[in-house]
């Protein structure tokens, strides 16, 4: 995000199409929200699987599998949800 904020705004760039001043804050918001949602989601899965292990319902391997599944799906879902949220709040 620091590189994006520090770079000059190209006229008619591929994403901004000349409206860099309005698109740049939106893109920064989407990236930041996606990162926060991703961390919250993975933390929730870790908390949930720790409870399963404490009750003896799951072992370490099952917890790892759930975490990897959530991490993979989160890479797809977090940016889409962040884009939706930032668009709605705009």
N, C-alpha and C. Protein backbone atom coordinates (compact mmCIF):
# COMPACT_ATOMS: atom_id res chain seq x y z
N UNK A 1 0.82 -1.18 0.00
CA UNK A 1 0.00 0.00 0.00
C UNK A 1 0.87 1.25 0.00
N UNK A 2 2.02 1.19 0.67
CA UNK A 2 2.91 2.34 0.69
C UNK A 2 3.44 2.65 -0.71
N UNK A 3 3.76 1.60 -1.47
CA UNK A 3 4.24 1.81 -2.84
C UNK A 3 3.15 2.42 -3.70
N UNK A 4 1.91 2.00 -3.50
CA UNK A 4 0.80 2.55 -4.28
C UNK A 4 0.57 4.02 -3.94
N UNK A 5 0.63 4.37 -2.68
CA UNK A 5 0.42 5.76 -2.29
C UNK A 5 1.57 6.66 -2.72
N UNK A 6 2.78 6.10 -2.79
CA UNK A 6 3.95 6.90 -3.14
C UNK A 6 4.19 7.03 -4.63
N UNK A 7 3.55 6.21 -5.43
CA UNK A 7 3.79 6.25 -6.88
C UNK A 7 2.99 7.39 -7.51
N UNK A 8 3.54 7.95 -8.60
CA UNK A 8 2.79 9.02 -9.28
C UNK A 8 1.58 8.45 -9.99
N UNK A 9 0.60 9.29 -10.18
CA UNK A 9 -0.64 8.90 -10.83
C UNK A 9 -0.48 9.05 -12.34
N UNK A 10 -0.42 7.96 -13.11
CA UNK A 10 -0.25 8.10 -14.55
C UNK A 10 -1.55 8.58 -15.20
N UNK A 11 -1.45 9.48 -16.14
CA UNK A 11 -2.67 9.90 -16.82
C UNK A 11 -3.20 8.77 -17.70
N UNK A 12 -4.42 8.41 -17.49
CA UNK A 12 -5.04 7.35 -18.29
C UNK A 12 -4.44 6.00 -18.05
N UNK A 13 -4.02 5.73 -16.81
CA UNK A 13 -3.44 4.44 -16.46
C UNK A 13 -4.42 3.30 -16.73
N UNK A 14 -3.95 2.07 -16.71
CA UNK A 14 -4.80 0.94 -17.07
C UNK A 14 -5.98 0.74 -16.13
N UNK A 15 -5.81 1.01 -14.84
CA UNK A 15 -6.92 0.81 -13.91
C UNK A 15 -7.68 2.11 -13.71
N UNK A 16 -6.95 3.19 -13.53
CA UNK A 16 -7.59 4.46 -13.17
C UNK A 16 -8.32 5.11 -14.34
N UNK A 17 -7.85 4.90 -15.54
CA UNK A 17 -8.44 5.51 -16.73
C UNK A 17 -8.61 7.02 -16.56
N UNK A 18 -7.59 7.63 -15.98
CA UNK A 18 -7.60 9.08 -15.81
C UNK A 18 -8.24 9.55 -14.53
N UNK A 19 -8.85 8.68 -13.76
CA UNK A 19 -9.52 9.05 -12.51
C UNK A 19 -8.77 8.46 -11.33
N UNK A 20 -7.47 8.62 -11.32
CA UNK A 20 -6.63 8.01 -10.29
C UNK A 20 -6.94 8.54 -8.90
N UNK A 21 -7.32 9.81 -8.80
CA UNK A 21 -7.57 10.40 -7.51
C UNK A 21 -8.78 9.78 -6.83
N UNK A 22 -9.73 9.26 -7.59
CA UNK A 22 -10.90 8.62 -6.99
C UNK A 22 -10.74 7.12 -6.84
N UNK A 23 -9.96 6.50 -7.71
CA UNK A 23 -9.79 5.05 -7.66
C UNK A 23 -8.75 4.64 -6.62
N UNK A 24 -7.70 5.42 -6.45
CA UNK A 24 -6.62 5.05 -5.54
C UNK A 24 -7.11 4.86 -4.10
N UNK A 25 -7.86 5.79 -3.51
CA UNK A 25 -8.33 5.54 -2.13
C UNK A 25 -9.25 4.33 -2.04
N UNK A 26 -10.02 4.09 -3.08
CA UNK A 26 -10.90 2.93 -3.10
C UNK A 26 -10.09 1.64 -3.10
N UNK A 27 -9.04 1.59 -3.92
CA UNK A 27 -8.19 0.40 -3.99
C UNK A 27 -7.47 0.15 -2.68
N UNK A 28 -7.00 1.21 -2.04
CA UNK A 28 -6.33 1.07 -0.75
C UNK A 28 -7.32 0.54 0.29
N UNK A 29 -8.54 1.03 0.27
CA UNK A 29 -9.57 0.55 1.19
C UNK A 29 -9.90 -0.91 0.99
N UNK A 30 -9.96 -1.33 -0.26
CA UNK A 30 -10.27 -2.73 -0.57
C UNK A 30 -9.13 -3.64 -0.09
N UNK A 31 -7.90 -3.27 -0.35
CA UNK A 31 -6.77 -4.09 0.07
C UNK A 31 -6.69 -4.17 1.59
N UNK A 32 -6.88 -3.04 2.25
CA UNK A 32 -6.84 -3.03 3.71
C UNK A 32 -7.97 -3.85 4.32
N UNK A 33 -9.17 -3.71 3.79
CA UNK A 33 -10.31 -4.48 4.31
C UNK A 33 -10.14 -5.97 4.05
N UNK A 34 -9.60 -6.32 2.88
CA UNK A 34 -9.37 -7.73 2.58
C UNK A 34 -8.36 -8.34 3.55
N UNK A 35 -7.31 -7.61 3.87
CA UNK A 35 -6.32 -8.12 4.82
C UNK A 35 -6.93 -8.32 6.20
N UNK A 36 -7.71 -7.35 6.64
CA UNK A 36 -8.34 -7.46 7.95
C UNK A 36 -9.33 -8.62 7.98
N UNK A 37 -10.15 -8.76 6.96
CA UNK A 37 -11.11 -9.86 6.90
C UNK A 37 -10.42 -11.22 6.86
N UNK A 38 -9.31 -11.30 6.15
CA UNK A 38 -8.56 -12.55 6.04
C UNK A 38 -8.00 -12.96 7.41
N UNK A 39 -7.41 -12.01 8.10
CA UNK A 39 -6.83 -12.31 9.42
C UNK A 39 -7.93 -12.67 10.41
N UNK A 40 -9.05 -11.96 10.39
CA UNK A 40 -10.16 -12.28 11.29
C UNK A 40 -10.71 -13.68 11.00
N UNK A 41 -10.87 -14.00 9.73
CA UNK A 41 -11.37 -15.32 9.36
C UNK A 41 -10.46 -16.44 9.80
N UNK A 42 -9.16 -16.29 9.57
CA UNK A 42 -8.22 -17.34 9.96
C UNK A 42 -8.12 -17.44 11.47
N UNK A 43 -8.21 -16.32 12.17
CA UNK A 43 -8.19 -16.35 13.64
C UNK A 43 -9.41 -17.08 14.18
N UNK A 44 -10.55 -16.84 13.54
CA UNK A 44 -11.77 -17.55 13.94
C UNK A 44 -11.66 -19.05 13.74
N UNK A 45 -11.06 -19.47 12.65
CA UNK A 45 -10.88 -20.90 12.39
C UNK A 45 -9.92 -21.50 13.41
N UNK A 46 -8.85 -20.77 13.75
CA UNK A 46 -7.91 -21.28 14.77
C UNK A 46 -8.60 -21.43 16.12
N UNK A 47 -9.44 -20.46 16.48
CA UNK A 47 -10.16 -20.52 17.75
C UNK A 47 -11.14 -21.69 17.75
N UNK A 48 -11.87 -21.87 16.64
CA UNK A 48 -12.83 -22.94 16.53
C UNK A 48 -12.15 -24.31 16.60
N UNK A 49 -11.05 -24.50 15.87
CA UNK A 49 -10.37 -25.80 15.89
C UNK A 49 -9.69 -26.06 17.23
N UNK A 50 -9.25 -25.01 17.91
CA UNK A 50 -8.69 -25.22 19.26
C UNK A 50 -9.76 -25.74 20.21
N UNK A 51 -10.99 -25.25 20.07
CA UNK A 51 -12.09 -25.77 20.88
C UNK A 51 -12.41 -27.21 20.54
N UNK A 52 -12.36 -27.55 19.26
CA UNK A 52 -12.60 -28.94 18.87
C UNK A 52 -11.54 -29.88 19.44
N UNK A 53 -10.29 -29.45 19.38
CA UNK A 53 -9.21 -30.27 19.94
C UNK A 53 -9.33 -30.40 21.44
N UNK A 54 -9.73 -29.33 22.12
CA UNK A 54 -9.87 -29.37 23.58
C UNK A 54 -10.98 -30.33 24.01
N UNK A 55 -12.03 -30.44 23.21
CA UNK A 55 -13.12 -31.37 23.53
C UNK A 55 -12.83 -32.79 23.07
N UNK A 56 -11.73 -32.99 22.34
CA UNK A 56 -11.37 -34.31 21.86
C UNK A 56 -12.12 -34.73 20.61
N UNK A 57 -12.75 -33.79 19.93
CA UNK A 57 -13.50 -34.10 18.72
C UNK A 57 -12.59 -34.17 17.50
N UNK A 58 -11.50 -33.42 17.52
CA UNK A 58 -10.59 -33.38 16.38
C UNK A 58 -9.15 -33.49 16.88
N UNK A 59 -8.29 -33.95 15.99
CA UNK A 59 -6.87 -34.02 16.34
C UNK A 59 -6.12 -32.90 15.63
N UNK A 60 -4.82 -32.89 15.77
CA UNK A 60 -3.98 -31.83 15.19
C UNK A 60 -4.06 -31.83 13.67
N UNK A 61 -4.14 -33.00 13.07
CA UNK A 61 -4.21 -33.07 11.61
C UNK A 61 -5.51 -32.47 11.07
N UNK A 62 -6.62 -32.77 11.74
CA UNK A 62 -7.90 -32.20 11.32
C UNK A 62 -7.90 -30.68 11.46
N UNK A 63 -7.31 -30.19 12.54
CA UNK A 63 -7.22 -28.74 12.75
C UNK A 63 -6.41 -28.09 11.64
N UNK A 64 -5.29 -28.73 11.28
CA UNK A 64 -4.47 -28.20 10.20
C UNK A 64 -5.21 -28.21 8.87
N UNK A 65 -5.95 -29.28 8.61
CA UNK A 65 -6.71 -29.36 7.35
C UNK A 65 -7.77 -28.27 7.27
N UNK A 66 -8.48 -28.03 8.37
CA UNK A 66 -9.48 -26.96 8.38
C UNK A 66 -8.82 -25.60 8.17
N UNK A 67 -7.67 -25.40 8.80
CA UNK A 67 -6.96 -24.13 8.66
C UNK A 67 -6.52 -23.92 7.21
N UNK A 68 -5.97 -24.95 6.59
CA UNK A 68 -5.54 -24.83 5.20
C UNK A 68 -6.72 -24.60 4.25
N UNK A 69 -7.84 -25.26 4.53
CA UNK A 69 -9.03 -25.04 3.72
C UNK A 69 -9.52 -23.59 3.86
N UNK A 70 -9.56 -23.09 5.09
CA UNK A 70 -9.98 -21.71 5.31
C UNK A 70 -9.01 -20.72 4.68
N UNK A 71 -7.72 -21.03 4.75
CA UNK A 71 -6.72 -20.13 4.16
C UNK A 71 -6.88 -20.07 2.64
N UNK A 72 -7.10 -21.20 2.01
CA UNK A 72 -7.28 -21.22 0.56
C UNK A 72 -8.55 -20.53 0.11
N UNK A 73 -9.65 -20.83 0.79
CA UNK A 73 -10.91 -20.18 0.43
C UNK A 73 -10.90 -18.70 0.79
N UNK A 74 -10.20 -18.36 1.86
CA UNK A 74 -10.12 -16.96 2.27
C UNK A 74 -9.40 -16.09 1.26
N UNK A 75 -8.42 -16.67 0.56
CA UNK A 75 -7.74 -15.90 -0.48
C UNK A 75 -8.68 -15.49 -1.60
N UNK A 76 -9.71 -16.28 -1.83
CA UNK A 76 -10.70 -15.96 -2.86
C UNK A 76 -11.83 -15.09 -2.32
N UNK A 77 -12.29 -15.38 -1.13
CA UNK A 77 -13.49 -14.74 -0.59
C UNK A 77 -13.19 -13.37 0.01
N UNK A 78 -12.08 -13.21 0.70
CA UNK A 78 -11.79 -11.94 1.40
C UNK A 78 -11.73 -10.74 0.45
N UNK A 79 -11.05 -10.81 -0.69
CA UNK A 79 -11.07 -9.64 -1.59
C UNK A 79 -12.45 -9.33 -2.16
N UNK A 80 -13.23 -10.37 -2.46
CA UNK A 80 -14.57 -10.13 -2.99
C UNK A 80 -15.48 -9.49 -1.94
N UNK A 81 -15.41 -9.99 -0.72
CA UNK A 81 -16.20 -9.40 0.35
C UNK A 81 -15.73 -7.99 0.67
N UNK A 82 -14.43 -7.78 0.66
CA UNK A 82 -13.89 -6.43 0.92
C UNK A 82 -14.34 -5.45 -0.15
N UNK A 83 -14.31 -5.86 -1.40
CA UNK A 83 -14.77 -5.00 -2.49
C UNK A 83 -16.24 -4.63 -2.30
N UNK A 84 -17.05 -5.61 -1.92
CA UNK A 84 -18.46 -5.36 -1.69
C UNK A 84 -18.69 -4.40 -0.53
N UNK A 85 -17.97 -4.63 0.57
CA UNK A 85 -18.14 -3.77 1.74
C UNK A 85 -17.67 -2.33 1.47
N UNK A 86 -16.51 -2.19 0.86
CA UNK A 86 -15.99 -0.85 0.59
C UNK A 86 -16.89 -0.13 -0.41
N UNK A 87 -17.41 -0.85 -1.39
CA UNK A 87 -18.33 -0.24 -2.36
C UNK A 87 -19.60 0.23 -1.68
N UNK A 88 -20.13 -0.58 -0.77
CA UNK A 88 -21.36 -0.22 -0.08
C UNK A 88 -21.17 0.96 0.86
N UNK A 89 -20.00 1.06 1.46
CA UNK A 89 -19.75 2.14 2.41
C UNK A 89 -19.29 3.43 1.73
N UNK A 90 -19.07 3.39 0.46
CA UNK A 90 -18.58 4.54 -0.28
C UNK A 90 -19.62 5.57 -0.53
